[in-house]
């Protein structure tokens, strides 16, 4: 398979830095564990791409043969983009692609000392999968779930080796973003936490390790509180969907890459927030049911850009363009975040 670049001349400093990074990676590869990825949908194939791009050998499994084939194509295309963006050399891209293998049999995962589960958010499906994994894997192999809401304690209940189960929440596109949350359950061992964090750091993430598990973790709890309020504003007639999106993009969307909520209050004056909270918090939505505007979209079969049906109208071409733009935007945000992290001398995760 051929990896192409955009033809632009690469600065000597960037090239030298890339070669140095890949040289160090090659030295480490002999000590990196082989990782299994179970579930090769949107998240699983992105996780697999991220792992192979950062030196790991990956065995990917999906019960759907066609989905596994699509995952191999996605990994190739995503690695091409990393090469084009100068985040991998052409040689590094070729080597990374060789480290991914889609396997047809679940038993092939027995060689893995670390497995990432990335199947759909269905508790019973996950539990059945964990039972199969425990029959195949060595007792000390880590099983990390890319669940977006289930507490790790709930997932490790009833397993043979609960100490090896942990939540490992990735963001899409997994091969580009810096986000990762690591969520230990009540019985998760310190060694499992250490090994999971090590994988995240090898993948150039900034792992946020929670002290204990809680449904939704950190980022999802904040995001869903925001989405609930957005739905309330639309349903109450305060503004339409486009207006709510516009306001959010041009305020929170403007500063959130540089600063989290606490840093933002430091930058803009803490007392003002305390004063506003006193009057505003009682007025915010505290609804416990799925908003009506959301239920209606689901009932209509809307999935978003994946089927060109969402809160906005899309042609198939527009859906594809939004998908491409999102990936390009994510690359640009990564470069911007790295630039200011270096300027402000921020430690990883700060």
Foldseek 3Di string as FASTA:
>chain_A
DAADAPPDDDDPVLVVVQVVQVVVLVVCLVVDFAEEEEDQDQARLLQLLLLLLLRHQYEYEYQDPVSLVVSLVVSLVVLSVCCRLSVHPRVSSVSSSVSYHYDHDPLVCQRGLEYEYDDDQDLVVLLVVLVVVVVRYDLNRAYEYQHQFDFLQSNLPPHPRSQRYWYWHADPSRLQAQDIEIAREPNHDPVNVVVSVVSSVSSVHLYDYDPHTDTRPPPRVVVVLVVVQLLVCCVVPVDHNVVSVVVCCVPCVVCPLQDPPVVVCVVPPVVVVVVCCVPCVVVGDPDPDDRPVVVVQVVVVADDLVVQGDSDGDDVVRSVVVVVVVVVVSNVSSVVSVVVCVVVVPDRPD
